PDB file of N, CA and C in Angstrom:
ATOM      1  N   MET A   1    -100.411 -41.093 -94.646  1.00  0.00           N
ATOM      2  CA  MET A   1     -99.643 -40.925 -93.447  1.00  0.00           C
ATOM      3  C   MET A   1     -99.076 -42.271 -93.045  1.00  0.00           C
ATOM      4  N   GLY A   2     -97.796 -42.320 -92.850  1.00  0.00           N
ATOM      5  CA  GLY A   2     -97.159 -43.562 -92.455  1.00  0.00           C
ATOM      6  C   GLY A   2     -97.233 -43.779 -90.960  1.00  0.00           C
ATOM      7  N   GLN A   3     -96.760 -44.929 -90.541  1.00  0.00           N
ATOM      8  CA  GLN A   3     -96.825 -45.245 -89.127  1.00  0.00           C
ATOM      9  C   GLN A   3     -95.961 -44.293 -88.303  1.00  0.00           C
ATOM     10  N   ALA A   4     -94.889 -43.777 -88.860  1.00  0.00           N
ATOM     11  CA  ALA A   4     -94.024 -42.849 -88.135  1.00  0.00           C
ATOM     12  C   ALA A   4     -94.728 -41.529 -87.862  1.00  0.00           C
ATOM     13  N   ASP A   5     -95.780 -41.194 -88.628  1.00  0.00           N
ATOM     14  CA  ASP A   5     -96.511 -39.938 -88.460  1.00  0.00           C
ATOM     15  C   ASP A   5     -97.611 -40.041 -87.412  1.00  0.00           C
ATOM     16  N   PHE A   6     -97.842 -41.202 -86.855  1.00  0.00           N
ATOM     17  CA  PHE A   6     -98.933 -41.395 -85.913  1.00  0.00           C
ATOM     18  C   PHE A   6     -98.773 -40.470 -84.700  1.00  0.00           C
ATOM     19  N   GLY A   7     -99.838 -39.715 -84.389  1.00  0.00           N
ATOM     20  CA  GLY A   7     -99.829 -38.847 -83.218  1.00  0.00           C
ATOM     21  C   GLY A   7     -99.243 -37.473 -83.458  1.00  0.00           C
ATOM     22  N   ARG A   8     -98.665 -37.216 -84.599  1.00  0.00           N
ATOM     23  CA  ARG A   8     -98.110 -35.898 -84.879  1.00  0.00           C
ATOM     24  C   ARG A   8     -99.187 -35.022 -85.480  1.00  0.00           C
ATOM     25  N   THR A   9     -99.303 -33.781 -85.001  1.00  0.00           N
ATOM     26  CA  THR A   9    -100.321 -32.889 -85.536  1.00  0.00           C
ATOM     27  C   THR A   9     -99.727 -31.735 -86.329  1.00  0.00           C
ATOM     28  N   ARG A  10     -98.512 -31.337 -86.041  1.00  0.00           N
ATOM     29  CA  ARG A  10     -97.919 -30.205 -86.757  1.00  0.00           C
ATOM     30  C   ARG A  10     -96.622 -30.666 -87.402  1.00  0.00           C
ATOM     31  N   ASP A  11     -96.568 -30.630 -88.723  1.00  0.00           N
ATOM     32  CA  ASP A  11     -95.410 -31.165 -89.402  1.00  0.00           C
ATOM     33  C   ASP A  11     -94.946 -30.278 -90.544  1.00  0.00           C
ATOM     34  N   ARG A  12     -95.802 -29.386 -90.991  1.00  0.00           N
ATOM     35  CA  ARG A  12     -95.474 -28.617 -92.181  1.00  0.00           C
ATOM     36  C   ARG A  12     -94.862 -27.276 -91.816  1.00  0.00           C
ATOM     37  N   SER A  13     -94.022 -26.755 -92.687  1.00  0.00           N
ATOM     38  CA  SER A  13     -93.344 -25.489 -92.420  1.00  0.00           C
ATOM     39  C   SER A  13     -94.263 -24.281 -92.605  1.00  0.00           C
ATOM     40  N   ASP A  14     -95.450 -24.478 -93.198  1.00  0.00           N
ATOM     41  CA  ASP A  14     -96.356 -23.356 -93.418  1.00  0.00           C
ATOM     42  C   ASP A  14     -97.303 -23.126 -92.238  1.00  0.00           C
ATOM     43  N   GLY A  15     -97.084 -23.786 -91.094  1.00  0.00           N
ATOM     44  CA  GLY A  15     -97.888 -23.555 -89.905  1.00  0.00           C
ATOM     45  C   GLY A  15     -99.215 -24.274 -89.903  1.00  0.00           C
ATOM     46  N   ARG A  16     -99.377 -25.252 -90.753  1.00  0.00           N
ATOM     47  CA  ARG A  16    -100.621 -26.021 -90.774  1.00  0.00           C
ATOM     48  C   ARG A  16    -100.377 -27.409 -90.218  1.00  0.00           C
ATOM     49  N   ARG A  17    -101.429 -27.988 -89.653  1.00  0.00           N
ATOM     50  CA  ARG A  17    -101.327 -29.360 -89.188  1.00  0.00           C
ATOM     51  C   ARG A  17    -101.305 -30.289 -90.390  1.00  0.00           C
ATOM     52  N   LEU A  18    -101.013 -31.550 -90.135  1.00  0.00           N
ATOM     53  CA  LEU A  18    -100.977 -32.525 -91.222  1.00  0.00           C
ATOM     54  C   LEU A  18    -102.324 -32.643 -91.928  1.00  0.00           C
ATOM     55  N   ASP A  19    -103.428 -32.368 -91.202  1.00  0.00           N
ATOM     56  CA  ASP A  19    -104.739 -32.441 -91.833  1.00  0.00           C
ATOM     57  C   ASP A  19    -105.121 -31.145 -92.547  1.00  0.00           C
ATOM     58  N   GLY A  20    -104.213 -30.146 -92.574  1.00  0.00           N
ATOM     59  CA  GLY A  20    -104.439 -28.918 -93.327  1.00  0.00           C
ATOM     60  C   GLY A  20    -105.061 -27.784 -92.532  1.00  0.00           C
ATOM     61  N   VAL A  21    -105.445 -28.016 -91.286  1.00  0.00           N
ATOM     62  CA  VAL A  21    -106.064 -26.982 -90.475  1.00  0.00           C
ATOM     63  C   VAL A  21    -104.976 -26.034 -89.967  1.00  0.00           C
ATOM     64  N   PRO A  22    -105.183 -24.690 -90.114  1.00  0.00           N
ATOM     65  CA  PRO A  22    -104.174 -23.753 -89.624  1.00  0.00           C
ATOM     66  C   PRO A  22    -104.038 -23.826 -88.112  1.00  0.00           C
ATOM     67  N   VAL A  23    -102.833 -23.616 -87.624  1.00  0.00           N
ATOM     68  CA  VAL A  23    -102.564 -23.626 -86.192  1.00  0.00           C
ATOM     69  C   VAL A  23    -102.438 -22.180 -85.733  1.00  0.00           C
ATOM     70  N   ALA A  24    -103.205 -21.810 -84.695  1.00  0.00           N
ATOM     71  CA  ALA A  24    -103.166 -20.438 -84.181  1.00  0.00           C
ATOM     72  C   ALA A  24    -101.845 -20.208 -83.457  1.00  0.00           C
ATOM     73  N   GLU A  25    -101.292 -19.044 -83.660  1.00  0.00           N
ATOM     74  CA  GLU A  25    -100.064 -18.678 -82.967  1.00  0.00           C
ATOM     75  C   GLU A  25    -100.405 -18.340 -81.522  1.00  0.00           C
ATOM     76  N   PRO A  26     -99.545 -18.678 -80.574  1.00  0.00           N
ATOM     77  CA  PRO A  26     -99.830 -18.369 -79.170  1.00  0.00           C
ATOM     78  C   PRO A  26     -99.890 -16.864 -78.936  1.00  0.00           C
ATOM     79  N   GLN A  27    -100.828 -16.447 -78.107  1.00  0.00           N
ATOM     80  CA  GLN A  27    -100.996 -15.039 -77.769  1.00  0.00           C
ATOM     81  C   GLN A  27    -100.207 -14.731 -76.502  1.00  0.00           C
ATOM     82  N   THR A  28     -99.750 -13.492 -76.372  1.00  0.00           N
ATOM     83  CA  THR A  28     -99.127 -13.103 -75.117  1.00  0.00           C
ATOM     84  C   THR A  28    -100.244 -12.921 -74.095  1.00  0.00           C
ATOM     85  N   PRO A  29    -100.090 -13.505 -72.917  1.00  0.00           N
ATOM     86  CA  PRO A  29    -101.165 -13.440 -71.935  1.00  0.00           C
ATOM     87  C   PRO A  29    -101.371 -12.025 -71.407  1.00  0.00           C
ATOM     88  N   ALA A  30    -102.642 -11.708 -71.131  1.00  0.00           N
ATOM     89  CA  ALA A  30    -102.968 -10.416 -70.540  1.00  0.00           C
ATOM     90  C   ALA A  30    -102.535 -10.431 -69.071  1.00  0.00           C
ATOM     91  N   PRO A  31    -102.161  -9.275 -68.540  1.00  0.00           N
ATOM     92  CA  PRO A  31    -101.768  -9.249 -67.134  1.00  0.00           C
ATOM     93  C   PRO A  31    -102.953  -9.625 -66.234  1.00  0.00           C
ATOM     94  N   LEU A  32    -102.657 -10.329 -65.161  1.00  0.00           N
ATOM     95  CA  LEU A  32    -103.707 -10.734 -64.224  1.00  0.00           C
ATOM     96  C   LEU A  32    -104.175  -9.524 -63.416  1.00  0.00           C
ATOM     97  N   PRO A  33    -105.484  -9.406 -63.216  1.00  0.00           N
ATOM     98  CA  PRO A  33    -106.006  -8.287 -62.417  1.00  0.00           C
ATOM     99  C   PRO A  33    -105.888  -8.586 -60.923  1.00  0.00           C
ATOM    100  N   LEU A  34    -104.656  -8.709 -60.451  1.00  0.00           N
ATOM    101  CA  LEU A  34    -104.422  -9.126 -59.072  1.00  0.00           C
ATOM    102  C   LEU A  34    -104.996  -8.162 -58.047  1.00  0.00           C
ATOM    103  N   SER A  35    -104.967  -6.866 -58.324  1.00  0.00           N
ATOM    104  CA  SER A  35    -105.498  -5.906 -57.352  1.00  0.00           C
ATOM    105  C   SER A  35    -107.008  -6.072 -57.196  1.00  0.00           C
ATOM    106  N   GLU A  36    -107.728  -6.345 -58.290  1.00  0.00           N
ATOM    107  CA  GLU A  36    -109.173  -6.556 -58.204  1.00  0.00           C
ATOM    108  C   GLU A  36    -109.505  -7.854 -57.476  1.00  0.00           C
ATOM    109  N   ILE A  37    -108.706  -8.893 -57.721  1.00  0.00           N
ATOM    110  CA  ILE A  37    -108.913 -10.175 -57.037  1.00  0.00           C
ATOM    111  C   ILE A  37    -108.650 -10.012 -55.548  1.00  0.00           C
ATOM    112  N   GLU A  38    -107.557  -9.317 -55.209  1.00  0.00           N
ATOM    113  CA  GLU A  38    -107.214  -9.094 -53.806  1.00  0.00           C
ATOM    114  C   GLU A  38    -108.304  -8.286 -53.102  1.00  0.00           C
ATOM    115  N   GLU A  39    -108.836  -7.276 -53.772  1.00  0.00           N
ATOM    116  CA  GLU A  39    -109.908  -6.457 -53.194  1.00  0.00           C
ATOM    117  C   GLU A  39    -111.162  -7.294 -52.936  1.00  0.00           C
ATOM    118  N   ALA A  40    -111.501  -8.176 -53.860  1.00  0.00           N
ATOM    119  CA  ALA A  40    -112.668  -9.040 -53.690  1.00  0.00           C
ATOM    120  C   ALA A  40    -112.474  -9.981 -52.507  1.00  0.00           C
ATOM    121  N   ILE A  41    -111.276 -10.511 -52.338  1.00  0.00           N
ATOM    122  CA  ILE A  41    -110.997 -11.424 -51.231  1.00  0.00           C
ATOM    123  C   ILE A  41    -111.027 -10.688 -49.895  1.00  0.00           C
ATOM    124  N   ARG A  42    -110.448  -9.503 -49.846  1.00  0.00           N
ATOM    125  CA  ARG A  42    -110.427  -8.735 -48.592  1.00  0.00           C
ATOM    126  C   ARG A  42    -111.824  -8.353 -48.131  1.00  0.00           C
ATOM    127  N   GLY A  43    -112.736  -8.145 -49.054  1.00  0.00           N
ATOM    128  CA  GLY A  43    -114.078  -7.698 -48.698  1.00  0.00           C
ATOM    129  C   GLY A  43    -114.999  -8.804 -48.217  1.00  0.00           C
ATOM    130  N   VAL A  44    -114.541 -10.039 -48.184  1.00  0.00           N
ATOM    131  CA  VAL A  44    -115.402 -11.164 -47.805  1.00  0.00           C
ATOM    132  C   VAL A  44    -114.992 -11.692 -46.436  1.00  0.00           C
ATOM    133  N   ARG A  45    -115.958 -11.742 -45.506  1.00  0.00           N
ATOM    134  CA  ARG A  45    -115.684 -12.381 -44.225  1.00  0.00           C
ATOM    135  C   ARG A  45    -116.119 -13.840 -44.289  1.00  0.00           C
ATOM    136  N   HIS A  46    -117.334 -14.071 -44.784  1.00  0.00           N
ATOM    137  CA  HIS A  46    -117.850 -15.416 -45.049  1.00  0.00           C
ATOM    138  C   HIS A  46    -118.434 -15.361 -46.455  1.00  0.00           C
ATOM    139  N   GLY A  47    -117.960 -16.210 -47.337  1.00  0.00           N
ATOM    140  CA  GLY A  47    -118.516 -16.203 -48.685  1.00  0.00           C
ATOM    141  C   GLY A  47    -117.597 -16.831 -49.703  1.00  0.00           C
ATOM    142  N   ILE A  48    -117.812 -16.435 -50.953  1.00  0.00           N
ATOM    143  CA  ILE A  48    -117.125 -17.054 -52.086  1.00  0.00           C
ATOM    144  C   ILE A  48    -116.617 -15.966 -53.022  1.00  0.00           C
ATOM    145  N   VAL A  49    -115.384 -16.126 -53.486  1.00  0.00           N
ATOM    146  CA  VAL A  49    -114.859 -15.310 -54.583  1.00  0.00           C
ATOM    147  C   VAL A  49    -114.619 -16.264 -55.737  1.00  0.00           C
ATOM    148  N   GLN A  50    -115.254 -15.985 -56.860  1.00  0.00           N
ATOM    149  CA  GLN A  50    -115.173 -16.858 -58.025  1.00  0.00           C
ATOM    150  C   GLN A  50    -114.551 -16.072 -59.176  1.00  0.00           C
ATOM    151  N   ILE A  51    -113.523 -16.645 -59.793  1.00  0.00           N
ATOM    152  CA  ILE A  51    -112.827 -15.993 -60.904  1.00  0.00           C
ATOM    153  C   ILE A  51    -113.189 -16.736 -62.179  1.00  0.00           C
ATOM    154  N   ILE A  52    -113.764 -16.020 -63.144  1.00  0.00           N
ATOM    155  CA  ILE A  52    -114.191 -16.607 -64.406  1.00  0.00           C
ATOM    156  C   ILE A  52    -113.111 -16.337 -65.451  1.00  0.00           C
ATOM    157  N   ILE A  53    -112.653 -17.417 -66.093  1.00  0.00           N
ATOM    158  CA  ILE A  53    -111.583 -17.327 -67.083  1.00  0.00           C
ATOM    159  C   ILE A  53    -112.079 -17.874 -68.406  1.00  0.00           C
ATOM    160  N   GLN A  54    -111.845 -17.139 -69.480  1.00  0.00           N
ATOM    161  CA  GLN A  54    -112.179 -17.602 -70.828  1.00  0.00           C
ATOM    162  C   GLN A  54    -110.949 -17.429 -71.703  1.00  0.00           C
ATOM    163  N   ASP A  55    -110.568 -18.477 -72.367  1.00  0.00           N
ATOM    164  CA  ASP A  55    -109.393 -18.466 -73.248  1.00  0.00           C
ATOM    165  C   ASP A  55    -108.144 -17.973 -72.523  1.00  0.00           C
ATOM    166  N   GLY A  56    -108.013 -18.348 -71.251  1.00  0.00           N
ATOM    167  CA  GLY A  56    -106.833 -17.995 -70.477  1.00  0.00           C
ATOM    168  C   GLY A  56    -106.809 -16.570 -69.961  1.00  0.00           C
ATOM    169  N   VAL A  57    -107.927 -15.840 -70.073  1.00  0.00           N
ATOM    170  CA  VAL A  57    -107.995 -14.453 -69.649  1.00  0.00           C
ATOM    171  C   VAL A  57    -109.085 -14.318 -68.590  1.00  0.00           C
ATOM    172  N   VAL A  58    -108.789 -13.619 -67.494  1.00  0.00           N
ATOM    173  CA  VAL A  58    -109.800 -13.354 -66.474  1.00  0.00           C
ATOM    174  C   VAL A  58    -110.803 -12.361 -67.048  1.00  0.00           C
ATOM    175  N   VAL A  59    -112.074 -12.768 -67.122  1.00  0.00           N
ATOM    176  CA  VAL A  59    -113.099 -11.904 -67.699  1.00  0.00           C
ATOM    177  C   VAL A  59    -114.116 -11.431 -66.672  1.00  0.00           C
ATOM    178  N   GLN A  60    -114.151 -12.082 -65.488  1.00  0.00           N
ATOM    179  CA  GLN A  60    -115.155 -11.713 -64.500  1.00  0.00           C
ATOM    180  C   GLN A  60    -114.714 -12.187 -63.118  1.00  0.00           C
ATOM    181  N   ILE A  61    -115.022 -11.370 -62.112  1.00  0.00           N
ATOM    182  CA  ILE A  61    -114.782 -11.747 -60.714  1.00  0.00           C
ATOM    183  C   ILE A  61    -116.113 -11.599 -59.990  1.00  0.00           C
ATOM    184  N   ASP A  62    -116.622 -12.698 -59.438  1.00  0.00           N
ATOM    185  CA  ASP A  62    -117.883 -12.689 -58.688  1.00  0.00           C
ATOM    186  C   ASP A  62    -117.575 -12.849 -57.212  1.00  0.00           C
ATOM    187  N   ARG A  63    -118.307 -12.095 -56.397  1.00  0.00           N
ATOM    188  CA  ARG A  63    -118.161 -12.214 -54.953  1.00  0.00           C
ATOM    189  C   ARG A  63    -119.539 -12.411 -54.349  1.00  0.00           C
ATOM    190  N   THR A  64    -119.675 -13.438 -53.534  1.00  0.00           N
ATOM    191  CA  THR A  64    -120.918 -13.719 -52.837  1.00  0.00           C
ATOM    192  C   THR A  64    -120.644 -13.641 -51.347  1.00  0.00           C
ATOM    193  N   ASP A  65    -121.315 -12.714 -50.681  1.00  0.00           N
ATOM    194  CA  ASP A  65    -121.173 -12.565 -49.230  1.00  0.00           C
ATOM    195  C   ASP A  65    -122.292 -13.321 -48.530  1.00  0.00           C
ATOM    196  N   LYS A  66    -121.948 -13.987 -47.451  1.00  0.00           N
ATOM    197  CA  LYS A  66    -122.928 -14.692 -46.641  1.00  0.00           C
ATOM    198  C   LYS A  66    -122.973 -14.020 -45.279  1.00  0.00           C
ATOM    199  N   ARG A  67    -124.166 -13.868 -44.751  1.00  0.00           N
ATOM    200  CA  ARG A  67    -124.330 -13.269 -43.416  1.00  0.00           C
ATOM    201  C   ARG A  67    -124.783 -14.352 -42.456  1.00  0.00           C
ATOM    202  N   ARG A  68    -123.975 -14.614 -41.486  1.00  0.00           N
ATOM    203  CA  ARG A  68    -124.277 -15.632 -40.480  1.00  0.00           C
ATOM    204  C   ARG A  68    -125.140 -15.006 -39.392  1.00  0.00           C
ATOM    205  N   LEU A  69    -126.247 -15.645 -39.071  1.00  0.00           N
ATOM    206  CA  LEU A  69    -127.187 -15.121 -38.086  1.00  0.00           C
ATOM    207  C   LEU A  69    -127.061 -15.780 -36.721  1.00  0.00           C
ATOM    208  N   ARG A  70    -126.277 -16.786 -36.580  1.00  0.00           N
ATOM    209  CA  ARG A  70    -126.030 -17.536 -35.337  1.00  0.00           C
ATOM    210  C   ARG A  70    -127.180 -17.480 -34.401  1.00  0.00           C
TER     211      ARG A  70
END
């Protein structure tokens, strides 16, 4: 690899990086479950809504409700 190749990872027409490792093609993103997220947020007066994402996809929505006893 010459100095001009420094920092380049994808150079070959066969879809492999310069080091020979195949490059994954981008996936079309799954639609966001906005209605489920909105429902979780509406149901919380005091608490936390946590959205778990793996590989760019929402896989879990956690809701923790807190009860204030004042």
